[in-house]
Amino acid sequence: MKRPIPWEQFEALQLEVGRIVSVERFPEAKKTAYIIAADFGPTRGTLKTSAQLTQRYKPEDLVGKQIVGVTNFPKKQIGPMMSEFLVLGALDSKNGTAILQVLENVAPGTSIA
């Protein structure tokens, strides 16, 4: 279990809804991964990230899904690509990470509380 954090630390995270627009294999990654592009609405636009989701999903399974992403972390170089957000998921060591999804249709960029 992790230690409690001040409420302000949670409030500092920018959690937003993104819609996955493309998924491609990322052969240069140290661990098997995809490069995911997600639309976060007119303010942020399309952002890319690397995610280790290959155990649970095929690329075509992910396109169109509404996900939850952290959009205010600093960009991070991962091999030849620059990661611009963090996709949130449930870490399932048996079946592979499961993405957190928004099941109702909401606009990309909608804040998560």
C-alpha atoms as a PDB file:
ATOM      1  CA  MET A   1       0.000   0.000   0.000  1.00  0.00           C
ATOM      2  CA  LYS A   2       1.258   3.477  -0.828  1.00  0.00           C
ATOM      3  CA  ARG A   3       1.425   6.300   1.680  1.00  0.00           C
ATOM      4  CA  PRO A   4      -1.381   8.902   1.774  1.00  0.00           C
ATOM      5  CA  ILE A   5      -0.786  12.076  -0.223  1.00  0.00           C
ATOM      6  CA  PRO A   6      -2.097  15.581   0.308  1.00  0.00           C
ATOM      7  CA  TRP A   7      -5.299  16.374  -1.608  1.00  0.00           C
ATOM      8  CA  GLU A   8      -3.406  19.118  -3.471  1.00  0.00           C
ATOM      9  CA  GLN A   9      -1.179  16.508  -5.130  1.00  0.00           C
ATOM     10  CA  PHE A  10      -4.221  14.743  -6.576  1.00  0.00           C
ATOM     11  CA  GLU A  11      -5.724  18.069  -7.685  1.00  0.00           C
ATOM     12  CA  ALA A  12      -2.479  18.847  -9.530  1.00  0.00           C
ATOM     13  CA  LEU A  13      -3.090  15.954 -11.955  1.00  0.00           C
ATOM     14  CA  GLN A  14      -4.861  16.874 -15.191  1.00  0.00           C
ATOM     15  CA  LEU A  15      -6.972  13.782 -15.931  1.00  0.00           C
ATOM     16  CA  GLU A  16      -8.878  13.972 -19.217  1.00  0.00           C
ATOM     17  CA  VAL A  17     -10.902  11.828 -21.584  1.00  0.00           C
ATOM     18  CA  GLY A  18      -9.176  10.950 -24.832  1.00  0.00           C
ATOM     19  CA  ARG A  19     -10.451   8.984 -27.821  1.00  0.00           C
ATOM     20  CA  ILE A  20      -7.901   6.604 -29.357  1.00  0.00           C
ATOM     21  CA  VAL A  21      -7.482   7.464 -33.038  1.00  0.00           C
ATOM     22  CA  SER A  22      -4.592   5.169 -33.974  1.00  0.00           C
ATOM     23  CA  VAL A  23      -2.493   2.322 -32.602  1.00  0.00           C
ATOM     24  CA  GLU A  24       0.723   1.019 -34.098  1.00  0.00           C
ATOM     25  CA  ARG A  25       3.264  -1.513 -32.977  1.00  0.00           C
ATOM     26  CA  PHE A  26       6.396  -0.098 -31.312  1.00  0.00           C
ATOM     27  CA  PRO A  27       9.190  -2.543 -32.220  1.00  0.00           C
ATOM     28  CA  GLU A  28      11.927  -0.296 -30.785  1.00  0.00           C
ATOM     29  CA  ALA A  29      10.463  -0.488 -27.248  1.00  0.00           C
ATOM     30  CA  LYS A  30      12.403  -2.539 -24.680  1.00  0.00           C
ATOM     31  CA  LYS A  31       9.161  -4.300 -23.659  1.00  0.00           C
ATOM     32  CA  THR A  32       6.435  -5.116 -26.174  1.00  0.00           C
ATOM     33  CA  ALA A  33       4.294  -2.001 -26.590  1.00  0.00           C
ATOM     34  CA  TYR A  34       2.098   0.089 -28.849  1.00  0.00           C
ATOM     35  CA  ILE A  35       2.306   3.730 -29.838  1.00  0.00           C
ATOM     36  CA  ILE A  36      -1.149   5.147 -29.153  1.00  0.00           C
ATOM     37  CA  ALA A  37      -2.455   8.449 -30.505  1.00  0.00           C
ATOM     38  CA  ALA A  38      -5.484   9.879 -28.703  1.00  0.00           C
ATOM     39  CA  ASP A  39      -7.613  12.936 -29.421  1.00  0.00           C
ATOM     40  CA  PHE A  40      -7.940  15.111 -26.309  1.00  0.00           C
ATOM     41  CA  GLY A  41     -10.151  17.750 -27.903  1.00  0.00           C
ATOM     42  CA  PRO A  42      -9.598  21.183 -29.464  1.00  0.00           C
ATOM     43  CA  THR A  43      -7.409  22.559 -26.652  1.00  0.00           C
ATOM     44  CA  ARG A  44      -4.796  19.755 -26.490  1.00  0.00           C
ATOM     45  CA  GLY A  45      -5.322  18.053 -29.836  1.00  0.00           C
ATOM     46  CA  THR A  46      -3.894  14.619 -30.571  1.00  0.00           C
ATOM     47  CA  LEU A  47      -1.215  13.336 -28.189  1.00  0.00           C
ATOM     48  CA  LYS A  48       0.928  10.191 -28.391  1.00  0.00           C
ATOM     49  CA  THR A  49       2.128   7.735 -25.789  1.00  0.00           C
ATOM     50  CA  SER A  50       3.701   4.313 -25.514  1.00  0.00           C
ATOM     51  CA  ALA A  51       1.739   1.660 -23.636  1.00  0.00           C
ATOM     52  CA  GLN A  52       2.373  -1.980 -22.791  1.00  0.00           C
ATOM     53  CA  LEU A  53      -1.077  -3.234 -23.754  1.00  0.00           C
ATOM     54  CA  THR A  54      -0.138  -5.963 -26.228  1.00  0.00           C
ATOM     55  CA  GLN A  55      -0.942  -8.886 -23.915  1.00  0.00           C
ATOM     56  CA  ARG A  56      -4.635  -7.933 -23.656  1.00  0.00           C
ATOM     57  CA  TYR A  57      -5.412  -5.962 -26.848  1.00  0.00           C
ATOM     58  CA  LYS A  58      -4.897  -6.044 -30.593  1.00  0.00           C
ATOM     59  CA  PRO A  59      -4.476  -2.596 -32.190  1.00  0.00           C
ATOM     60  CA  GLU A  60      -7.924  -2.726 -33.802  1.00  0.00           C
ATOM     61  CA  ASP A  61      -9.512  -3.443 -30.379  1.00  0.00           C
ATOM     62  CA  LEU A  62      -8.308  -0.088 -29.040  1.00  0.00           C
ATOM     63  CA  VAL A  63      -9.181   2.351 -31.832  1.00  0.00           C
ATOM     64  CA  GLY A  64     -12.258   4.403 -30.939  1.00  0.00           C
ATOM     65  CA  LYS A  65     -12.164   3.658 -27.212  1.00  0.00           C
ATOM     66  CA  GLN A  66     -12.510   6.550 -24.761  1.00  0.00           C
ATOM     67  CA  ILE A  67      -9.655   6.399 -22.270  1.00  0.00           C
ATOM     68  CA  VAL A  68      -8.460   8.308 -19.227  1.00  0.00           C
ATOM     69  CA  GLY A  69      -5.104  10.028 -19.569  1.00  0.00           C
ATOM     70  CA  VAL A  70      -2.833  12.213 -17.459  1.00  0.00           C
ATOM     71  CA  THR A  71      -2.065  15.146 -19.753  1.00  0.00           C
ATOM     72  CA  ASN A  72       0.090  17.410 -17.605  1.00  0.00           C
ATOM     73  CA  PHE A  73       3.136  15.234 -17.005  1.00  0.00           C
ATOM     74  CA  PRO A  74       6.315  16.445 -18.720  1.00  0.00           C
ATOM     75  CA  LYS A  75       6.985  14.851 -22.106  1.00  0.00           C
ATOM     76  CA  LYS A  76       9.200  11.762 -21.873  1.00  0.00           C
ATOM     77  CA  GLN A  77      11.500  10.313 -24.515  1.00  0.00           C
ATOM     78  CA  ILE A  78      10.861   6.576 -24.950  1.00  0.00           C
ATOM     79  CA  GLY A  79      13.254   5.232 -27.551  1.00  0.00           C
ATOM     80  CA  PRO A  80      12.629   7.125 -30.793  1.00  0.00           C
ATOM     81  CA  MET A  81       9.245   8.553 -29.737  1.00  0.00           C
ATOM     82  CA  MET A  82       8.211  11.339 -27.369  1.00  0.00           C
ATOM     83  CA  SER A  83       5.460  10.330 -24.931  1.00  0.00           C
ATOM     84  CA  GLU A  84       3.027  13.215 -24.351  1.00  0.00           C
ATOM     85  CA  PHE A  85       0.543  11.676 -21.892  1.00  0.00           C
ATOM     86  CA  LEU A  86       0.046   8.673 -19.618  1.00  0.00           C
ATOM     87  CA  VAL A  87      -2.831   6.306 -20.323  1.00  0.00           C
ATOM     88  CA  LEU A  88      -4.309   4.883 -17.118  1.00  0.00           C
ATOM     89  CA  GLY A  89      -4.924   1.184 -16.699  1.00  0.00           C
ATOM     90  CA  ALA A  90      -5.513  -1.610 -14.215  1.00  0.00           C
ATOM     91  CA  LEU A  91      -2.307  -3.636 -13.829  1.00  0.00           C
ATOM     92  CA  ASP A  92      -3.352  -7.263 -14.275  1.00  0.00           C
ATOM     93  CA  SER A  93      -0.230  -9.454 -14.237  1.00  0.00           C
ATOM     94  CA  LYS A  94      -2.152 -12.507 -15.435  1.00  0.00           C
ATOM     95  CA  ASN A  95      -4.075 -11.101 -18.439  1.00  0.00           C
ATOM     96  CA  GLY A  96      -2.232  -7.856 -19.163  1.00  0.00           C
ATOM     97  CA  THR A  97      -3.048  -4.248 -18.334  1.00  0.00           C
ATOM     98  CA  ALA A  98      -6.677  -3.216 -18.875  1.00  0.00           C
ATOM     99  CA  ILE A  99      -7.218   0.408 -19.921  1.00  0.00           C
ATOM    100  CA  LEU A 100      -9.544   2.605 -17.884  1.00  0.00           C
ATOM    101  CA  GLN A 101     -12.443   3.497 -20.154  1.00  0.00           C
ATOM    102  CA  VAL A 102     -15.221   6.069 -20.117  1.00  0.00           C
ATOM    103  CA  LEU A 103     -18.305   4.136 -21.181  1.00  0.00           C
ATOM    104  CA  GLU A 104     -20.620   7.095 -21.768  1.00  0.00           C
ATOM    105  CA  ASN A 105     -20.000   9.224 -24.853  1.00  0.00           C
ATOM    106  CA  VAL A 106     -18.346  12.480 -23.728  1.00  0.00           C
ATOM    107  CA  ALA A 107     -16.301  15.055 -25.602  1.00  0.00           C
ATOM    108  CA  PRO A 108     -12.545  14.471 -25.869  1.00  0.00           C
ATOM    109  CA  GLY A 109     -10.761  16.683 -23.355  1.00  0.00           C
ATOM    110  CA  THR A 110     -13.483  16.373 -20.713  1.00  0.00           C
ATOM    111  CA  SER A 111     -11.901  16.613 -17.243  1.00  0.00           C
ATOM    112  CA  ILE A 112     -11.999  13.668 -14.851  1.00  0.00           C
ATOM    113  CA  ALA A 113     -12.762  14.408 -11.203  1.00  0.00           C
END
